[in-house]
Amino acid sequence: MKARELGALLLLGTIWGASYLFIKVAVQVFPPATLVGSRVFIAAMVSLAILRLRRIPLPSTQAAWTSFAIMGLFNAAVPYSLITWGEVRVDSGLTAILIATVPIFTVIFAHFFLHDERLTTTIGAGILLGFVGVAILIGPDALAGATQNLWGDLAIIVASMSYGGSVVYARYKMRGYPPLAASTGQMLMASLMMIPLALIIDRPWTISLPNAQTLMPALLSLLTLAVVGTSLAYLLYYWLIQNAGAVYASAVTYISPFASIVLGVVLLGEHVTVGDFVGFGLILVGLMLLNGYAGQIARRLVPTSAGK
């Protein structure tokens, strides 16, 4: 890999790792549904502007927008909401580690729903190690009866499952669309889902805003999350795939948790335990065992998710 491609990979991993920090800061002020609705709407508008500048048309068929709606639900609205709700209760670093299990759920769903993708003994061992790592990460909350923390952990794991399922859906339904157009379509459909939900659940006009010292970091985190962590990050992701390949780009899965952990400790004062490192290590080993299989899927997929 060339130096600029390695630099792009490290930058992308840092951006997506930092996204969990921005969520943690923003959710202290904005309720989860309002935060997610604002995030996807801003990201959709930025992506739409980029589409116009690059003269890339949005598909106009009903089939395309049905697929965008399904991907907008399971690749944006559901996981973003669960992650944001979970981060009210869970540290940003732990969130990034749990989301690193996406490839594990992807291969499980692929085994059951894709006729040409089957588990092997090595892949099964990788999945088992990954789940042992997850058990070590959330076990202390379960044993200590920390109900709120445990529900946050489980919400983030379900978000990871949603991401994994969306990758498998994209295997058949999202081919042939320009990646930026597909990403924009998903964000637009996610906006149509989340904005009414936020109005009903949060009634954002009733939110009591804090003083400027607290409000400004939350606003800046929201804008950075939407513009940099969602729209612009995927431009970088697509560039990386075109220049280095999907397998290289998929290595961002290994980088973003490290970035999130470091940023959480340095900027938010979060604590990392020995159990966190052990659990993360087992998940990483599991992902390495899956890598050959995940790489085969990645080579056949045009990435269509709109951010992490």
C-alpha atoms as a PDB file:
ATOM      1  CA  MET A   1       0.000   0.000   0.000  1.00  0.00           C
ATOM      2  CA  LYS A   2       1.321   3.446  -0.891  1.00  0.00           C
ATOM      3  CA  ALA A   3       1.968   6.059   1.772  1.00  0.00           C
ATOM      4  CA  ARG A   4      -1.021   8.198   0.762  1.00  0.00           C
ATOM      5  CA  GLU A   5      -3.349   5.184   0.861  1.00  0.00           C
ATOM      6  CA  LEU A   6      -2.067   4.184   4.284  1.00  0.00           C
ATOM      7  CA  GLY A   7      -2.522   7.783   5.419  1.00  0.00           C
ATOM      8  CA  ALA A   8      -6.090   7.783   4.086  1.00  0.00           C
ATOM      9  CA  LEU A   9      -6.830   4.536   5.934  1.00  0.00           C
ATOM     10  CA  LEU A  10      -5.470   5.896   9.213  1.00  0.00           C
ATOM     11  CA  LEU A  11      -7.369   9.157   8.754  1.00  0.00           C
ATOM     12  CA  LEU A  12     -10.618   7.317   8.033  1.00  0.00           C
ATOM     13  CA  GLY A  13     -10.164   5.071  11.069  1.00  0.00           C
ATOM     14  CA  THR A  14      -9.548   8.120  13.232  1.00  0.00           C
ATOM     15  CA  ILE A  15     -12.618   9.937  11.862  1.00  0.00           C
ATOM     16  CA  TRP A  16     -14.920   6.989  12.448  1.00  0.00           C
ATOM     17  CA  GLY A  17     -13.352   6.291  15.840  1.00  0.00           C
ATOM     18  CA  ALA A  18     -13.909   9.936  16.797  1.00  0.00           C
ATOM     19  CA  SER A  19     -17.569   9.670  15.774  1.00  0.00           C
ATOM     20  CA  TYR A  20     -18.357   7.809  18.987  1.00  0.00           C
ATOM     21  CA  LEU A  21     -16.778  10.639  20.975  1.00  0.00           C
ATOM     22  CA  PHE A  22     -18.912  13.201  19.112  1.00  0.00           C
ATOM     23  CA  ILE A  23     -22.030  11.149  19.835  1.00  0.00           C
ATOM     24  CA  LYS A  24     -21.099  10.989  23.520  1.00  0.00           C
ATOM     25  CA  VAL A  25     -20.726  14.773  23.709  1.00  0.00           C
ATOM     26  CA  ALA A  26     -23.796  15.644  21.636  1.00  0.00           C
ATOM     27  CA  VAL A  27     -26.163  13.254  23.409  1.00  0.00           C
ATOM     28  CA  GLN A  28     -25.545  15.106  26.677  1.00  0.00           C
ATOM     29  CA  VAL A  29     -27.658  17.936  25.204  1.00  0.00           C
ATOM     30  CA  PHE A  30     -29.795  16.472  22.415  1.00  0.00           C
ATOM     31  CA  PRO A  31     -32.092  13.460  22.998  1.00  0.00           C
ATOM     32  CA  PRO A  32     -31.169  10.414  20.892  1.00  0.00           C
ATOM     33  CA  ALA A  33     -33.960  10.628  18.289  1.00  0.00           C
ATOM     34  CA  THR A  34     -33.394  14.359  17.776  1.00  0.00           C
ATOM     35  CA  LEU A  35     -29.644  13.849  17.494  1.00  0.00           C
ATOM     36  CA  VAL A  36     -29.990  11.040  14.952  1.00  0.00           C
ATOM     37  CA  GLY A  37     -32.643  12.892  12.946  1.00  0.00           C
ATOM     38  CA  SER A  38     -30.445  15.991  12.784  1.00  0.00           C
ATOM     39  CA  ARG A  39     -27.393  13.927  11.890  1.00  0.00           C
ATOM     40  CA  VAL A  40     -28.955  12.102   8.946  1.00  0.00           C
ATOM     41  CA  PHE A  41     -30.701  15.224   7.637  1.00  0.00           C
ATOM     42  CA  ILE A  42     -27.525  17.328   7.653  1.00  0.00           C
ATOM     43  CA  ALA A  43     -25.542  14.447   6.134  1.00  0.00           C
ATOM     44  CA  ALA A  44     -28.184  14.021   3.418  1.00  0.00           C
ATOM     45  CA  MET A  45     -28.091  17.718   2.525  1.00  0.00           C
ATOM     46  CA  VAL A  46     -24.278  17.772   2.338  1.00  0.00           C
ATOM     47  CA  SER A  47     -24.196  14.591   0.259  1.00  0.00           C
ATOM     48  CA  LEU A  48     -26.918  15.936  -2.020  1.00  0.00           C
ATOM     49  CA  ALA A  49     -24.908  19.107  -2.600  1.00  0.00           C
ATOM     50  CA  ILE A  50     -21.825  17.043  -3.464  1.00  0.00           C
ATOM     51  CA  LEU A  51     -23.915  14.961  -5.871  1.00  0.00           C
ATOM     52  CA  ARG A  52     -25.089  18.117  -7.621  1.00  0.00           C
ATOM     53  CA  LEU A  53     -21.556  19.489  -7.880  1.00  0.00           C
ATOM     54  CA  ARG A  54     -20.321  16.216  -9.361  1.00  0.00           C
ATOM     55  CA  ARG A  55     -23.403  15.923 -11.614  1.00  0.00           C
ATOM     56  CA  ILE A  56     -24.241  12.436 -10.359  1.00  0.00           C
ATOM     57  CA  PRO A  57     -27.997  11.748 -10.727  1.00  0.00           C
ATOM     58  CA  LEU A  58     -30.086  10.003  -8.099  1.00  0.00           C
ATOM     59  CA  PRO A  59     -31.862   6.864  -9.330  1.00  0.00           C
ATOM     60  CA  SER A  60     -35.552   7.405 -10.041  1.00  0.00           C
ATOM     61  CA  THR A  61     -36.989   3.875 -10.022  1.00  0.00           C
ATOM     62  CA  GLN A  62     -39.292   2.548  -7.316  1.00  0.00           C
ATOM     63  CA  ALA A  63     -37.002  -0.457  -6.807  1.00  0.00           C
ATOM     64  CA  ALA A  64     -34.045   1.828  -6.092  1.00  0.00           C
ATOM     65  CA  TRP A  65     -35.887   3.898  -3.511  1.00  0.00           C
ATOM     66  CA  THR A  66     -37.328   0.794  -1.865  1.00  0.00           C
ATOM     67  CA  SER A  67     -33.784  -0.501  -1.444  1.00  0.00           C
ATOM     68  CA  PHE A  68     -32.629   2.898  -0.190  1.00  0.00           C
ATOM     69  CA  ALA A  69     -35.449   2.875   2.361  1.00  0.00           C
ATOM     70  CA  ILE A  70     -34.491  -0.577   3.657  1.00  0.00           C
ATOM     71  CA  MET A  71     -30.823   0.378   3.833  1.00  0.00           C
ATOM     72  CA  GLY A  72     -31.722   3.726   5.400  1.00  0.00           C
ATOM     73  CA  LEU A  73     -33.601   1.824   8.109  1.00  0.00           C
ATOM     74  CA  PHE A  74     -31.096  -0.938   8.892  1.00  0.00           C
ATOM     75  CA  ASN A  75     -27.863   0.852   7.990  1.00  0.00           C
ATOM     76  CA  ALA A  76     -28.655   4.259   9.484  1.00  0.00           C
ATOM     77  CA  ALA A  77     -31.878   4.879  11.415  1.00  0.00           C
ATOM     78  CA  VAL A  78     -31.831   1.721  13.560  1.00  0.00           C
ATOM     79  CA  PRO A  79     -28.097   1.436  14.332  1.00  0.00           C
ATOM     80  CA  TYR A  80     -27.564   5.185  14.760  1.00  0.00           C
ATOM     81  CA  SER A  81     -30.487   5.336  17.190  1.00  0.00           C
ATOM     82  CA  LEU A  82     -29.358   2.298  19.184  1.00  0.00           C
ATOM     83  CA  ILE A  83     -25.751   3.488  19.349  1.00  0.00           C
ATOM     84  CA  THR A  84     -26.790   6.976  20.439  1.00  0.00           C
ATOM     85  CA  TRP A  85     -29.203   5.629  23.058  1.00  0.00           C
ATOM     86  CA  GLY A  86     -26.554   3.157  24.207  1.00  0.00           C
ATOM     87  CA  GLU A  87     -23.908   5.851  24.600  1.00  0.00           C
ATOM     88  CA  VAL A  88     -26.044   7.553  27.225  1.00  0.00           C
ATOM     89  CA  ARG A  89     -25.082   4.522  29.340  1.00  0.00           C
ATOM     90  CA  VAL A  90     -21.819   3.220  27.814  1.00  0.00           C
ATOM     91  CA  ASP A  91     -18.391   4.793  27.207  1.00  0.00           C
ATOM     92  CA  SER A  92     -17.510   5.761  23.637  1.00  0.00           C
ATOM     93  CA  GLY A  93     -14.473   3.457  23.572  1.00  0.00           C
ATOM     94  CA  LEU A  94     -16.482   0.393  24.577  1.00  0.00           C
ATOM     95  CA  THR A  95     -19.092   1.334  21.966  1.00  0.00           C
ATOM     96  CA  ALA A  96     -16.462   1.277  19.218  1.00  0.00           C
ATOM     97  CA  ILE A  97     -15.188  -2.111  20.396  1.00  0.00           C
ATOM     98  CA  LEU A  98     -18.670  -3.634  20.355  1.00  0.00           C
ATOM     99  CA  ILE A  99     -19.382  -2.186  16.894  1.00  0.00           C
ATOM    100  CA  ALA A 100     -16.204  -3.894  15.665  1.00  0.00           C
ATOM    101  CA  THR A 101     -18.251  -7.117  15.752  1.00  0.00           C
ATOM    102  CA  VAL A 102     -20.088  -6.090  12.548  1.00  0.00           C
ATOM    103  CA  PRO A 103     -18.055  -8.522  10.347  1.00  0.00           C
ATOM    104  CA  ILE A 104     -18.954 -11.364  12.735  1.00  0.00           C
ATOM    105  CA  PHE A 105     -22.679 -10.775  12.304  1.00  0.00           C
ATOM    106  CA  THR A 106     -22.159 -10.265   8.576  1.00  0.00           C
ATOM    107  CA  VAL A 107     -20.718 -13.743   8.082  1.00  0.00           C
ATOM    108  CA  ILE A 108     -23.469 -15.306  10.224  1.00  0.00           C
ATOM    109  CA  PHE A 109     -26.232 -13.650   8.190  1.00  0.00           C
ATOM    110  CA  ALA A 110     -24.405 -14.463   4.952  1.00  0.00           C
ATOM    111  CA  HIS A 111     -24.310 -18.149   5.895  1.00  0.00           C
ATOM    112  CA  PHE A 112     -28.078 -18.294   6.291  1.00  0.00           C
ATOM    113  CA  PHE A 113     -29.196 -15.923   3.526  1.00  0.00           C
ATOM    114  CA  LEU A 114     -26.567 -16.163   0.775  1.00  0.00           C
ATOM    115  CA  HIS A 115     -26.461 -19.553  -0.919  1.00  0.00           C
ATOM    116  CA  ASP A 116     -22.820 -19.154  -1.987  1.00  0.00           C
ATOM    117  CA  GLU A 117     -21.475 -18.197   1.448  1.00  0.00           C
ATOM    118  CA  ARG A 118     -20.952 -20.983   3.991  1.00  0.00           C
ATOM    119  CA  LEU A 119     -19.208 -21.224   7.345  1.00  0.00           C
ATOM    120  CA  THR A 120     -16.007 -23.196   7.785  1.00  0.00           C
ATOM    121  CA  THR A 121     -14.273 -24.459  10.913  1.00  0.00           C
ATOM    122  CA  THR A 122     -11.878 -21.482  10.872  1.00  0.00           C
ATOM    123  CA  ILE A 123     -14.708 -18.990  10.434  1.00  0.00           C
ATOM    124  CA  GLY A 124     -16.676 -20.716  13.206  1.00  0.00           C
ATOM    125  CA  ALA A 125     -13.659 -20.392  15.509  1.00  0.00           C
ATOM    126  CA  GLY A 126     -13.439 -16.692  14.658  1.00  0.00           C
ATOM    127  CA  ILE A 127     -17.108 -16.186  15.477  1.00  0.00           C
ATOM    128  CA  LEU A 128     -16.734 -18.067  18.766  1.00  0.00           C
ATOM    129  CA  LEU A 129     -13.725 -15.977  19.799  1.00  0.00           C
ATOM    130  CA  GLY A 130     -15.601 -12.813  18.919  1.00  0.00           C
ATOM    131  CA  PHE A 131     -18.564 -13.758  21.080  1.00  0.00           C
ATOM    132  CA  VAL A 132     -16.284 -14.734  23.964  1.00  0.00           C
ATOM    133  CA  GLY A 133     -14.724 -11.284  23.661  1.00  0.00           C
ATOM    134  CA  VAL A 134     -18.177  -9.673  23.781  1.00  0.00           C
ATOM    135  CA  ALA A 135     -19.077 -11.759  26.842  1.00  0.00           C
ATOM    136  CA  ILE A 136     -15.942 -10.556  28.627  1.00  0.00           C
ATOM    137  CA  LEU A 137     -16.785  -6.938  27.743  1.00  0.00           C
ATOM    138  CA  ILE A 138     -20.385  -6.962  28.964  1.00  0.00           C
ATOM    139  CA  GLY A 139     -20.026  -9.674  31.628  1.00  0.00           C
ATOM    140  CA  PRO A 140     -19.049  -7.324  34.485  1.00  0.00           C
ATOM    141  CA  ASP A 141     -22.206  -5.240  33.955  1.00  0.00           C
ATOM    142  CA  ALA A 142     -24.347  -8.368  33.936  1.00  0.00           C
ATOM    143  CA  LEU A 143     -22.720  -9.842  37.048  1.00  0.00           C
ATOM    144  CA  ALA A 144     -22.826  -6.537  38.914  1.00  0.00           C
ATOM    145  CA  GLY A 145     -26.503  -6.044  38.122  1.00  0.00           C
ATOM    146  CA  ALA A 146     -25.734  -2.759  36.368  1.00  0.00           C
ATOM    147  CA  THR A 147     -28.995  -2.839  34.437  1.00  0.00           C
ATOM    148  CA  GLN A 148     -28.636   0.517  32.693  1.00  0.00           C
ATOM    149  CA  ASN A 149     -25.115  -0.268  31.472  1.00  0.00           C
ATOM    150  CA  LEU A 150     -26.152  -3.741  30.333  1.00  0.00           C
ATOM    151  CA  TRP A 151     -29.088  -2.409  28.314  1.00  0.00           C
ATOM    152  CA  GLY A 152     -26.698   0.057  26.686  1.00  0.00           C
ATOM    153  CA  ASP A 153     -24.300  -2.779  25.829  1.00  0.00           C
ATOM    154  CA  LEU A 154     -27.102  -4.852  24.322  1.00  0.00           C
ATOM    155  CA  ALA A 155     -28.445  -1.916  22.301  1.00  0.00           C
ATOM    156  CA  ILE A 156     -25.016  -1.427  20.717  1.00  0.00           C
ATOM    157  CA  ILE A 157     -24.718  -5.143  19.930  1.00  0.00           C
ATOM    158  CA  VAL A 158     -28.125  -5.056  18.214  1.00  0.00           C
ATOM    159  CA  ALA A 159     -26.877  -2.037  16.243  1.00  0.00           C
ATOM    160  CA  SER A 160     -23.915  -4.140  15.121  1.00  0.00           C
ATOM    161  CA  MET A 161     -26.323  -6.883  14.051  1.00  0.00           C
ATOM    162  CA  SER A 162     -28.295  -4.318  12.043  1.00  0.00           C
ATOM    163  CA  TYR A 163     -25.151  -3.173  10.246  1.00  0.00           C
ATOM    164  CA  GLY A 164     -24.238  -6.792   9.501  1.00  0.00           C
ATOM    165  CA  GLY A 165     -27.680  -7.517   8.079  1.00  0.00           C
ATOM    166  CA  SER A 166     -27.532  -4.432   5.871  1.00  0.00           C
ATOM    167  CA  VAL A 167     -24.267  -5.630   4.320  1.00  0.00           C
ATOM    168  CA  VAL A 168     -25.907  -8.921   3.355  1.00  0.00           C
ATOM    169  CA  TYR A 169     -28.946  -7.104   1.944  1.00  0.00           C
ATOM    170  CA  ALA A 170     -26.612  -4.892  -0.087  1.00  0.00           C
ATOM    171  CA  ARG A 171     -25.033  -8.036  -1.562  1.00  0.00           C
ATOM    172  CA  TYR A 172     -27.982  -8.457  -3.921  1.00  0.00           C
ATOM    173  CA  LYS A 173     -29.996  -5.249  -3.822  1.00  0.00           C
ATOM    174  CA  MET A 174     -27.470  -2.400  -3.973  1.00  0.00           C
ATOM    175  CA  ARG A 175     -25.323  -3.317  -6.943  1.00  0.00           C
ATOM    176  CA  GLY A 176     -25.106  -0.972  -9.875  1.00  0.00           C
ATOM    177  CA  TYR A 177     -25.820   2.298  -8.062  1.00  0.00           C
ATOM    178  CA  PRO A 178     -23.084   4.957  -7.820  1.00  0.00           C
ATOM    179  CA  PRO A 179     -21.850   4.669  -4.205  1.00  0.00           C
ATOM    180  CA  LEU A 180     -22.355   8.346  -3.382  1.00  0.00           C
ATOM    181  CA  ALA A 181     -25.853   8.299  -4.877  1.00  0.00           C
ATOM    182  CA  ALA A 182     -26.749   5.188  -2.875  1.00  0.00           C
ATOM    183  CA  SER A 183     -25.372   6.731   0.313  1.00  0.00           C
ATOM    184  CA  THR A 184     -27.318   9.950  -0.304  1.00  0.00           C
ATOM    185  CA  GLY A 185     -30.512   8.025  -1.012  1.00  0.00           C
ATOM    186  CA  GLN A 186     -30.153   6.119   2.252  1.00  0.00           C
ATOM    187  CA  MET A 187     -29.639   9.302   4.239  1.00  0.00           C
ATOM    188  CA  LEU A 188     -32.655  10.953   2.631  1.00  0.00           C
ATOM    189  CA  MET A 189     -34.856   7.970   3.486  1.00  0.00           C
ATOM    190  CA  ALA A 190     -33.429   7.781   7.006  1.00  0.00           C
ATOM    191  CA  SER A 191     -34.281  11.472   7.412  1.00  0.00           C
ATOM    192  CA  LEU A 192     -37.885  10.798   6.422  1.00  0.00           C
ATOM    193  CA  MET A 193     -38.010   8.129   9.129  1.00  0.00           C
ATOM    194  CA  MET A 194     -36.164   9.867  11.941  1.00  0.00           C
ATOM    195  CA  ILE A 195     -37.421  13.464  11.762  1.00  0.00           C
ATOM    196  CA  PRO A 196     -41.102  12.576  12.383  1.00  0.00           C
ATOM    197  CA  LEU A 197     -40.018  10.126  15.076  1.00  0.00           C
ATOM    198  CA  ALA A 198     -37.970  12.816  16.805  1.00  0.00           C
ATOM    199  CA  LEU A 199     -40.900  15.232  16.671  1.00  0.00           C
ATOM    200  CA  ILE A 200     -43.191  12.646  18.276  1.00  0.00           C
ATOM    201  CA  ILE A 201     -40.817  11.194  20.878  1.00  0.00           C
ATOM    202  CA  ASP A 202     -38.602  14.115  21.886  1.00  0.00           C
ATOM    203  CA  ARG A 203     -40.783  17.120  21.045  1.00  0.00           C
ATOM    204  CA  PRO A 204     -37.516  19.025  20.465  1.00  0.00           C
ATOM    205  CA  TRP A 205     -39.160  22.435  20.776  1.00  0.00           C
ATOM    206  CA  THR A 206     -39.610  21.660  24.493  1.00  0.00           C
ATOM    207  CA  ILE A 207     -35.933  20.833  25.094  1.00  0.00           C
ATOM    208  CA  SER A 208     -34.352  23.102  27.665  1.00  0.00           C
ATOM    209  CA  LEU A 209     -31.016  24.150  26.219  1.00  0.00           C
ATOM    210  CA  PRO A 210     -28.038  24.547  28.565  1.00  0.00           C
ATOM    211  CA  ASN A 211     -25.684  27.498  28.744  1.00  0.00           C
ATOM    212  CA  ALA A 212     -23.430  28.302  25.805  1.00  0.00           C
ATOM    213  CA  GLN A 213     -20.414  26.606  27.416  1.00  0.00           C
ATOM    214  CA  THR A 214     -22.232  23.259  27.264  1.00  0.00           C
ATOM    215  CA  LEU A 215     -24.317  23.882  24.155  1.00  0.00           C
ATOM    216  CA  MET A 216     -21.511  24.862  21.768  1.00  0.00           C
ATOM    217  CA  PRO A 217     -19.477  21.630  22.115  1.00  0.00           C
ATOM    218  CA  ALA A 218     -22.668  19.629  21.552  1.00  0.00           C
ATOM    219  CA  LEU A 219     -23.586  21.633  18.440  1.00  0.00           C
ATOM    220  CA  LEU A 220     -20.065  21.388  17.039  1.00  0.00           C
ATOM    221  CA  SER A 221     -20.038  17.635  17.755  1.00  0.00           C
ATOM    222  CA  LEU A 222     -23.341  17.197  15.913  1.00  0.00           C
ATOM    223  CA  LEU A 223     -22.154  19.154  12.872  1.00  0.00           C
ATOM    224  CA  THR A 224     -18.802  17.359  12.782  1.00  0.00           C
ATOM    225  CA  LEU A 225     -20.512  13.987  13.156  1.00  0.00           C
ATOM    226  CA  ALA A 226     -22.882  14.700  10.253  1.00  0.00           C
ATOM    227  CA  VAL A 227     -20.525  16.475   7.849  1.00  0.00           C
ATOM    228  CA  VAL A 228     -17.135  14.880   8.552  1.00  0.00           C
ATOM    229  CA  GLY A 229     -18.038  11.556  10.192  1.00  0.00           C
ATOM    230  CA  THR A 230     -20.849  10.697   7.778  1.00  0.00           C
ATOM    231  CA  SER A 231     -20.733  12.526   4.422  1.00  0.00           C
ATOM    232  CA  LEU A 232     -17.060  13.377   3.903  1.00  0.00           C
ATOM    233  CA  ALA A 233     -15.762  10.186   5.504  1.00  0.00           C
ATOM    234  CA  TYR A 234     -17.529   8.155   2.861  1.00  0.00           C
ATOM    235  CA  LEU A 235     -15.966  10.168   0.065  1.00  0.00           C
ATOM    236  CA  LEU A 236     -12.618   9.174   1.583  1.00  0.00           C
ATOM    237  CA  TYR A 237     -13.809   5.579   1.955  1.00  0.00           C
ATOM    238  CA  TYR A 238     -14.821   5.351  -1.699  1.00  0.00           C
ATOM    239  CA  TRP A 239     -11.523   6.894  -2.777  1.00  0.00           C
ATOM    240  CA  LEU A 240      -9.665   4.315  -0.692  1.00  0.00           C
ATOM    241  CA  ILE A 241     -11.623   1.440  -2.219  1.00  0.00           C
ATOM    242  CA  GLN A 242     -10.947   2.686  -5.755  1.00  0.00           C
ATOM    243  CA  ASN A 243      -7.222   3.158  -5.126  1.00  0.00           C
ATOM    244  CA  ALA A 244      -6.354   0.374  -2.658  1.00  0.00           C
ATOM    245  CA  GLY A 245      -9.232  -2.107  -2.912  1.00  0.00           C
ATOM    246  CA  ALA A 246     -12.106  -3.163  -0.683  1.00  0.00           C
ATOM    247  CA  VAL A 247      -9.988  -5.550   1.398  1.00  0.00           C
ATOM    248  CA  TYR A 248      -7.566  -2.783   2.376  1.00  0.00           C
ATOM    249  CA  ALA A 249     -10.436  -0.429   3.105  1.00  0.00           C
ATOM    250  CA  SER A 250     -12.066  -3.012   5.361  1.00  0.00           C
ATOM    251  CA  ALA A 251      -9.027  -2.751   7.668  1.00  0.00           C
ATOM    252  CA  VAL A 252     -10.640   0.409   9.063  1.00  0.00           C
ATOM    253  CA  THR A 253     -12.551  -2.012  11.322  1.00  0.00           C
ATOM    254  CA  TYR A 254      -9.309  -2.624  13.214  1.00  0.00           C
ATOM    255  CA  ILE A 255      -8.281   1.028  13.478  1.00  0.00           C
ATOM    256  CA  SER A 256     -11.413   2.889  14.581  1.00  0.00           C
ATOM    257  CA  PRO A 257     -11.757   1.162  18.009  1.00  0.00           C
ATOM    258  CA  PHE A 258      -8.179   2.092  18.907  1.00  0.00           C
ATOM    259  CA  ALA A 259      -8.810   5.707  17.898  1.00  0.00           C
ATOM    260  CA  SER A 260     -12.040   5.798  19.886  1.00  0.00           C
ATOM    261  CA  ILE A 261     -10.432   4.348  23.007  1.00  0.00           C
ATOM    262  CA  VAL A 262      -7.539   6.827  22.934  1.00  0.00           C
ATOM    263  CA  LEU A 263      -9.806   9.824  22.313  1.00  0.00           C
ATOM    264  CA  GLY A 264     -12.241   8.703  25.003  1.00  0.00           C
ATOM    265  CA  VAL A 265      -9.482   8.367  27.596  1.00  0.00           C
ATOM    266  CA  VAL A 266      -7.686  11.612  26.684  1.00  0.00           C
ATOM    267  CA  LEU A 267     -10.644  13.914  26.026  1.00  0.00           C
ATOM    268  CA  LEU A 268     -13.499  12.436  28.060  1.00  0.00           C
ATOM    269  CA  GLY A 269     -11.604  10.868  30.946  1.00  0.00           C
ATOM    270  CA  GLU A 270     -13.028   7.406  30.235  1.00  0.00           C
ATOM    271  CA  HIS A 271     -11.462   4.388  31.912  1.00  0.00           C
ATOM    272  CA  VAL A 272     -10.253   1.247  30.151  1.00  0.00           C
ATOM    273  CA  THR A 273     -10.003  -1.982  32.140  1.00  0.00           C
ATOM    274  CA  VAL A 274      -7.890  -5.086  31.619  1.00  0.00           C
ATOM    275  CA  GLY A 275     -11.105  -6.896  30.696  1.00  0.00           C
ATOM    276  CA  ASP A 276     -11.713  -4.349  27.933  1.00  0.00           C
ATOM    277  CA  PHE A 277      -8.313  -5.092  26.414  1.00  0.00           C
ATOM    278  CA  VAL A 278      -8.785  -8.856  26.716  1.00  0.00           C
ATOM    279  CA  GLY A 279     -12.260  -8.713  25.159  1.00  0.00           C
ATOM    280  CA  PHE A 280     -11.071  -6.433  22.367  1.00  0.00           C
ATOM    281  CA  GLY A 281      -8.078  -8.689  21.735  1.00  0.00           C
ATOM    282  CA  LEU A 282     -10.294 -11.758  21.333  1.00  0.00           C
ATOM    283  CA  ILE A 283     -12.599  -9.863  18.950  1.00  0.00           C
ATOM    284  CA  LEU A 284      -9.580  -8.788  16.882  1.00  0.00           C
ATOM    285  CA  VAL A 285      -8.269 -12.348  16.674  1.00  0.00           C
ATOM    286  CA  GLY A 286     -11.725 -13.491  15.667  1.00  0.00           C
ATOM    287  CA  LEU A 287     -11.848 -10.842  12.944  1.00  0.00           C
ATOM    288  CA  MET A 288      -8.456 -11.946  11.666  1.00  0.00           C
ATOM    289  CA  LEU A 289      -9.759 -15.502  11.329  1.00  0.00           C
ATOM    290  CA  LEU A 290     -12.759 -14.151   9.447  1.00  0.00           C
ATOM    291  CA  ASN A 291     -10.642 -11.885   7.254  1.00  0.00           C
ATOM    292  CA  GLY A 292     -10.281 -14.192   4.274  1.00  0.00           C
ATOM    293  CA  TYR A 293     -14.017 -14.812   4.161  1.00  0.00           C
ATOM    294  CA  ALA A 294     -14.931 -11.185   4.844  1.00  0.00           C
ATOM    295  CA  GLY A 295     -12.513 -10.137   2.144  1.00  0.00           C
ATOM    296  CA  GLN A 296     -14.315 -12.325  -0.404  1.00  0.00           C
ATOM    297  CA  ILE A 297     -17.597 -10.604   0.485  1.00  0.00           C
ATOM    298  CA  ALA A 298     -15.974  -7.163   0.367  1.00  0.00           C
ATOM    299  CA  ARG A 299     -14.620  -7.761  -3.124  1.00  0.00           C
ATOM    300  CA  ARG A 300     -18.137  -8.469  -4.365  1.00  0.00           C
ATOM    301  CA  LEU A 301     -19.792  -5.581  -2.588  1.00  0.00           C
ATOM    302  CA  VAL A 302     -20.055  -1.942  -3.494  1.00  0.00           C
ATOM    303  CA  PRO A 303     -20.008  -0.293  -0.041  1.00  0.00           C
ATOM    304  CA  THR A 304     -23.310   1.440   0.603  1.00  0.00           C
ATOM    305  CA  SER A 305     -23.375   2.324   4.274  1.00  0.00           C
ATOM    306  CA  ALA A 306     -23.485   5.987   5.121  1.00  0.00           C
ATOM    307  CA  GLY A 307     -21.380   6.273   8.204  1.00  0.00           C
ATOM    308  CA  LYS A 308     -20.685   4.680  11.624  1.00  0.00           C
END
